[in-house]
N, C-alpha and C. Protein backbone atom coordinates (compact mmCIF):
# COMPACT_ATOMS: atom_id res chain seq x y z
N MET A 1 42.72 -62.77 1.16
CA MET A 1 42.24 -64.17 0.80
C MET A 1 40.87 -64.15 1.29
N ILE A 2 40.03 -65.02 0.75
CA ILE A 2 38.67 -65.28 1.04
C ILE A 2 38.77 -66.94 1.41
N THR A 3 38.13 -67.22 2.50
CA THR A 3 38.29 -68.60 2.96
C THR A 3 36.75 -69.18 3.25
N VAL A 4 36.74 -70.47 3.39
CA VAL A 4 35.52 -71.19 3.54
C VAL A 4 35.54 -72.01 4.88
N SER A 5 34.41 -72.04 5.64
CA SER A 5 34.51 -72.88 6.75
C SER A 5 34.27 -74.41 6.13
N GLU A 6 34.41 -75.32 7.24
CA GLU A 6 34.21 -76.73 6.90
C GLU A 6 32.71 -76.97 6.47
N LYS A 7 31.74 -76.32 7.17
CA LYS A 7 30.30 -76.43 6.94
C LYS A 7 30.13 -75.88 5.49
N ALA A 8 30.65 -74.64 5.20
CA ALA A 8 30.40 -74.04 3.80
C ALA A 8 30.98 -74.94 2.69
N LYS A 9 32.12 -75.50 3.01
CA LYS A 9 32.76 -76.32 2.01
C LYS A 9 31.90 -77.67 1.76
N SER A 10 31.47 -78.25 2.70
CA SER A 10 30.49 -79.44 2.54
C SER A 10 29.24 -79.15 1.88
N LYS A 11 28.64 -78.02 2.14
CA LYS A 11 27.25 -77.58 1.71
C LYS A 11 27.62 -77.27 0.17
N ALA A 12 28.69 -76.61 -0.19
CA ALA A 12 29.01 -76.04 -1.51
C ALA A 12 29.25 -77.45 -2.44
N ILE A 13 30.03 -78.24 -1.94
CA ILE A 13 30.33 -79.58 -2.66
C ILE A 13 29.04 -80.31 -2.93
N GLU A 14 28.26 -80.26 -1.80
CA GLU A 14 26.93 -81.10 -2.00
C GLU A 14 26.02 -80.41 -3.04
N LEU A 15 25.82 -79.10 -3.03
CA LEU A 15 25.08 -78.41 -4.06
C LEU A 15 25.60 -78.45 -5.45
N MET A 16 26.89 -78.28 -5.59
CA MET A 16 27.60 -78.51 -6.88
C MET A 16 27.34 -79.86 -7.41
N SER A 17 27.41 -80.98 -6.64
CA SER A 17 27.18 -82.29 -7.11
C SER A 17 25.68 -82.56 -7.51
N ALA A 18 24.77 -81.95 -6.73
CA ALA A 18 23.31 -82.07 -6.95
C ALA A 18 23.04 -81.33 -8.20
N GLU A 19 23.68 -80.25 -8.56
CA GLU A 19 23.44 -79.68 -9.85
C GLU A 19 24.30 -80.14 -11.02
N ASN A 20 24.98 -81.19 -10.78
CA ASN A 20 25.85 -81.87 -11.84
C ASN A 20 26.89 -80.77 -12.34
N ARG A 21 27.52 -80.09 -11.45
CA ARG A 21 28.44 -79.02 -11.76
C ARG A 21 29.80 -79.31 -11.09
N PRO A 22 30.47 -80.57 -11.24
CA PRO A 22 31.68 -80.70 -10.47
C PRO A 22 32.90 -79.95 -10.80
N ASP A 23 32.88 -79.16 -11.94
CA ASP A 23 33.96 -78.29 -12.32
C ASP A 23 33.81 -76.87 -12.08
N SER A 24 32.74 -76.48 -11.18
CA SER A 24 32.37 -75.22 -10.82
C SER A 24 33.09 -74.59 -9.65
N PHE A 25 33.05 -73.42 -9.41
CA PHE A 25 33.60 -72.81 -8.29
C PHE A 25 32.60 -71.87 -7.59
N ILE A 26 32.99 -71.28 -6.50
CA ILE A 26 32.09 -70.30 -5.70
C ILE A 26 32.49 -69.02 -6.37
N ARG A 27 31.59 -68.22 -6.82
CA ARG A 27 31.92 -66.68 -7.25
C ARG A 27 31.12 -65.93 -6.04
N VAL A 28 31.98 -65.02 -5.41
CA VAL A 28 31.40 -64.12 -4.52
C VAL A 28 31.58 -62.67 -4.93
N GLY A 29 30.89 -61.80 -4.50
CA GLY A 29 30.94 -60.38 -5.01
C GLY A 29 30.15 -59.50 -4.11
N VAL A 30 30.12 -58.19 -4.30
CA VAL A 30 29.46 -57.23 -3.60
C VAL A 30 28.93 -56.29 -4.61
N GLU A 31 27.58 -55.77 -4.37
CA GLU A 31 26.97 -54.80 -5.16
C GLU A 31 26.21 -53.96 -4.25
N GLY A 32 26.02 -52.71 -4.86
CA GLY A 32 25.25 -51.77 -4.23
C GLY A 32 23.79 -52.16 -3.93
N GLY A 33 23.46 -51.75 -2.74
CA GLY A 33 21.98 -52.18 -2.32
C GLY A 33 21.86 -52.61 -0.96
N GLY A 34 20.67 -53.07 -0.50
CA GLY A 34 20.42 -53.52 0.76
C GLY A 34 20.19 -52.35 1.85
N CYS A 35 19.89 -52.66 2.95
CA CYS A 35 19.61 -51.57 3.85
C CYS A 35 20.78 -51.04 4.62
N SER A 36 21.94 -51.54 4.41
CA SER A 36 23.26 -51.03 4.92
C SER A 36 24.06 -50.53 3.81
N GLY A 37 23.77 -50.55 2.57
CA GLY A 37 24.45 -49.79 1.49
C GLY A 37 25.05 -50.84 0.55
N LEU A 38 25.57 -51.94 1.01
CA LEU A 38 26.25 -53.00 0.07
C LEU A 38 25.62 -54.25 0.38
N SER A 39 25.41 -55.09 -0.66
CA SER A 39 24.88 -56.50 -0.53
C SER A 39 25.93 -57.47 -0.97
N TYR A 40 25.84 -58.65 -0.37
CA TYR A 40 26.75 -59.77 -0.81
C TYR A 40 26.01 -60.46 -1.96
N LYS A 41 26.84 -61.16 -2.76
CA LYS A 41 26.26 -62.04 -3.78
C LYS A 41 27.22 -63.07 -3.97
N MET A 42 26.56 -64.34 -4.22
CA MET A 42 27.27 -65.68 -4.31
C MET A 42 26.51 -66.56 -5.42
N GLU A 43 27.41 -67.11 -6.19
CA GLU A 43 26.81 -68.08 -7.16
C GLU A 43 27.76 -69.06 -7.49
N PHE A 44 27.45 -70.18 -8.27
CA PHE A 44 28.39 -71.04 -8.80
C PHE A 44 28.54 -70.70 -10.23
N ASP A 45 29.83 -70.81 -10.52
CA ASP A 45 30.27 -70.35 -11.89
C ASP A 45 31.35 -71.29 -12.33
N ASN A 46 31.67 -71.21 -13.63
CA ASN A 46 32.79 -72.12 -14.18
C ASN A 46 33.70 -71.39 -15.20
N GLN A 47 33.55 -70.07 -15.33
CA GLN A 47 34.36 -69.06 -16.17
C GLN A 47 35.00 -68.03 -15.33
N ILE A 48 36.35 -68.05 -15.48
CA ILE A 48 37.15 -67.03 -14.91
C ILE A 48 37.03 -65.89 -15.81
N LYS A 49 36.96 -64.60 -15.29
CA LYS A 49 36.90 -63.51 -16.00
C LYS A 49 38.13 -62.72 -15.84
N GLU A 50 38.57 -61.82 -16.69
CA GLU A 50 39.76 -61.00 -16.62
C GLU A 50 39.70 -60.14 -15.36
N GLY A 51 40.73 -60.24 -14.63
CA GLY A 51 40.90 -59.41 -13.34
C GLY A 51 40.38 -60.26 -12.14
N ASP A 52 39.89 -61.27 -12.29
CA ASP A 52 39.37 -62.16 -11.25
C ASP A 52 40.54 -62.57 -10.20
N LYS A 53 40.15 -62.51 -8.83
CA LYS A 53 41.02 -62.98 -7.83
C LYS A 53 40.63 -64.45 -7.71
N VAL A 54 41.51 -65.33 -7.76
CA VAL A 54 41.19 -66.79 -7.45
C VAL A 54 41.89 -67.23 -6.29
N PHE A 55 41.24 -68.01 -5.42
CA PHE A 55 41.73 -68.70 -4.12
C PHE A 55 41.29 -70.12 -4.04
N GLU A 56 41.87 -70.73 -3.25
CA GLU A 56 41.57 -72.09 -2.93
C GLU A 56 41.66 -72.31 -1.49
N ASP A 57 40.64 -72.84 -0.88
CA ASP A 57 40.65 -73.10 0.68
C ASP A 57 40.09 -74.46 0.88
N LYS A 58 40.52 -75.38 1.57
CA LYS A 58 39.98 -76.65 1.91
C LYS A 58 39.56 -77.47 0.64
N GLY A 59 40.34 -77.19 -0.44
CA GLY A 59 39.85 -77.94 -1.61
C GLY A 59 38.86 -77.26 -2.53
N VAL A 60 38.30 -76.05 -2.04
CA VAL A 60 37.19 -75.31 -2.90
C VAL A 60 37.77 -74.11 -3.31
N ARG A 61 37.52 -73.84 -4.65
CA ARG A 61 37.99 -72.62 -5.30
C ARG A 61 36.83 -71.43 -5.03
N ILE A 62 37.38 -70.33 -4.79
CA ILE A 62 36.66 -69.16 -4.59
C ILE A 62 37.10 -68.13 -5.60
N VAL A 63 36.29 -67.47 -6.27
CA VAL A 63 36.58 -66.43 -7.13
C VAL A 63 35.91 -65.12 -6.94
N CYS A 64 36.54 -64.01 -7.11
CA CYS A 64 35.95 -62.70 -6.72
C CYS A 64 36.61 -61.72 -7.68
N ASP A 65 35.71 -60.65 -8.18
CA ASP A 65 36.24 -59.69 -8.95
C ASP A 65 37.00 -58.77 -8.02
N ARG A 66 37.88 -58.03 -8.89
CA ARG A 66 38.87 -57.12 -8.14
C ARG A 66 38.26 -56.06 -7.40
N LYS A 67 37.17 -55.52 -7.91
CA LYS A 67 36.48 -54.28 -6.91
C LYS A 67 35.96 -54.90 -5.74
N SER A 68 35.06 -56.11 -5.83
CA SER A 68 34.38 -56.67 -4.82
C SER A 68 35.59 -57.16 -3.69
N PHE A 69 36.71 -57.64 -4.10
CA PHE A 69 37.81 -58.11 -3.28
C PHE A 69 38.09 -56.93 -2.32
N LEU A 70 38.16 -55.67 -2.73
CA LEU A 70 38.48 -54.77 -1.79
C LEU A 70 37.57 -54.70 -0.56
N TYR A 71 36.37 -54.99 -0.74
CA TYR A 71 35.49 -55.10 0.56
C TYR A 71 35.35 -56.43 1.16
N LEU A 72 35.99 -57.53 0.50
CA LEU A 72 35.84 -58.97 0.97
C LEU A 72 37.16 -59.45 1.51
N VAL A 73 38.23 -58.75 1.49
CA VAL A 73 39.61 -59.37 1.89
C VAL A 73 39.39 -59.90 3.32
N GLY A 74 39.78 -61.09 3.70
CA GLY A 74 39.72 -61.53 4.94
C GLY A 74 38.44 -62.17 5.28
N THR A 75 37.47 -62.20 4.42
CA THR A 75 36.08 -62.82 4.61
C THR A 75 36.23 -64.25 4.69
N GLU A 76 35.38 -64.90 5.57
CA GLU A 76 35.04 -66.33 5.63
C GLU A 76 33.74 -66.66 5.24
N LEU A 77 33.52 -67.48 4.29
CA LEU A 77 32.25 -68.02 3.91
C LEU A 77 31.83 -69.05 4.76
N ASP A 78 30.74 -69.01 5.44
CA ASP A 78 30.21 -70.06 6.39
C ASP A 78 28.80 -70.49 6.03
N PHE A 79 28.38 -71.59 6.53
CA PHE A 79 26.92 -72.07 6.28
C PHE A 79 26.40 -72.35 7.48
N SER A 80 25.17 -71.86 7.87
CA SER A 80 24.45 -72.20 8.94
C SER A 80 23.07 -72.95 8.49
N ASP A 81 22.74 -73.85 9.50
CA ASP A 81 21.45 -74.59 9.22
C ASP A 81 20.77 -74.55 10.56
N GLY A 82 20.94 -73.55 11.33
CA GLY A 82 20.32 -73.54 12.75
C GLY A 82 18.91 -72.77 12.75
N LEU A 83 18.49 -72.52 13.84
CA LEU A 83 17.08 -72.02 13.87
C LEU A 83 16.94 -70.52 13.48
N ASN A 84 18.31 -69.87 13.65
CA ASN A 84 18.20 -68.41 13.35
C ASN A 84 18.48 -68.00 11.96
N GLY A 85 18.36 -68.97 10.95
CA GLY A 85 18.40 -68.82 9.69
C GLY A 85 19.34 -69.87 8.99
N LYS A 86 19.03 -70.19 7.78
CA LYS A 86 19.64 -71.34 7.08
C LYS A 86 20.29 -70.64 5.68
N GLY A 87 21.46 -70.98 5.40
CA GLY A 87 22.17 -70.53 4.20
C GLY A 87 23.56 -70.05 4.42
N PHE A 88 24.20 -69.63 3.41
CA PHE A 88 25.46 -69.13 3.42
C PHE A 88 25.59 -67.78 4.13
N GLN A 89 26.57 -67.56 4.88
CA GLN A 89 26.89 -66.46 5.58
C GLN A 89 28.21 -65.85 5.33
N PHE A 90 28.33 -64.47 5.14
CA PHE A 90 29.64 -63.99 5.05
C PHE A 90 30.24 -63.37 6.41
N HIS A 91 31.35 -63.73 6.92
CA HIS A 91 32.03 -63.20 8.20
C HIS A 91 33.01 -62.31 7.66
N ASN A 92 32.66 -60.93 7.54
CA ASN A 92 33.50 -59.99 6.96
C ASN A 92 34.08 -59.11 8.09
N PRO A 93 35.36 -59.23 8.33
CA PRO A 93 36.08 -58.34 9.21
C PRO A 93 36.16 -56.85 8.79
N ASN A 94 35.77 -56.58 7.45
CA ASN A 94 35.73 -55.09 7.11
C ASN A 94 34.49 -54.55 7.25
N ALA A 95 33.37 -55.06 7.60
CA ALA A 95 32.04 -54.51 7.64
C ALA A 95 32.00 -53.78 9.15
N THR A 96 31.79 -52.46 9.06
CA THR A 96 31.59 -51.74 10.19
C THR A 96 30.18 -51.78 10.71
N ARG A 97 29.11 -52.18 9.95
CA ARG A 97 27.69 -52.33 10.20
C ARG A 97 27.10 -53.27 9.30
N THR A 98 26.19 -53.96 9.89
CA THR A 98 25.52 -55.00 9.15
C THR A 98 23.96 -54.91 9.43
N CYS A 99 23.09 -55.28 8.53
CA CYS A 99 21.72 -55.33 8.84
C CYS A 99 21.33 -56.55 9.52
N GLY A 100 20.20 -56.55 10.10
CA GLY A 100 19.66 -57.76 10.90
C GLY A 100 19.69 -59.11 10.24
N CYS A 101 19.40 -59.07 8.95
CA CYS A 101 19.34 -60.40 8.28
C CYS A 101 20.75 -60.84 7.78
N GLY A 102 21.83 -59.92 7.80
CA GLY A 102 23.24 -60.25 7.35
C GLY A 102 23.33 -60.28 5.86
N GLU A 103 22.31 -59.77 5.21
CA GLU A 103 22.53 -59.75 3.74
C GLU A 103 23.11 -58.59 3.16
N SER A 104 23.40 -57.51 4.01
CA SER A 104 24.06 -56.35 3.46
C SER A 104 24.77 -55.72 4.68
N PHE A 105 25.74 -54.81 4.31
CA PHE A 105 26.77 -54.33 5.10
C PHE A 105 27.31 -53.00 4.64
N ALA A 106 27.87 -52.37 5.59
CA ALA A 106 28.56 -51.03 5.21
C ALA A 106 30.08 -51.11 5.84
N VAL A 107 31.00 -50.26 5.00
CA VAL A 107 32.41 -50.26 5.51
C VAL A 107 32.82 -48.79 5.79
């Protein structure tokens, strides 16, 4: 399962409302690249694709393709607005190494 923190939930709902996308969900995934080998990706989407894994946590739907899910199982999506960086963050228990900016990881 992939979960969201309360802060991530609030920010996602705020952004979807601002973009007039109330029927959207959060699509997360993984792609090759970044200084640690794999990079996170996240976007708002409204179309489920064949093979997608669909989760709901705290009233927010999270969708992930099957291949990315292998790397993201157990991950929590969080949001930070502190001095050390602002934006969505992935807390991935499967990552054995992450880069300094938190944008990429290795398993």
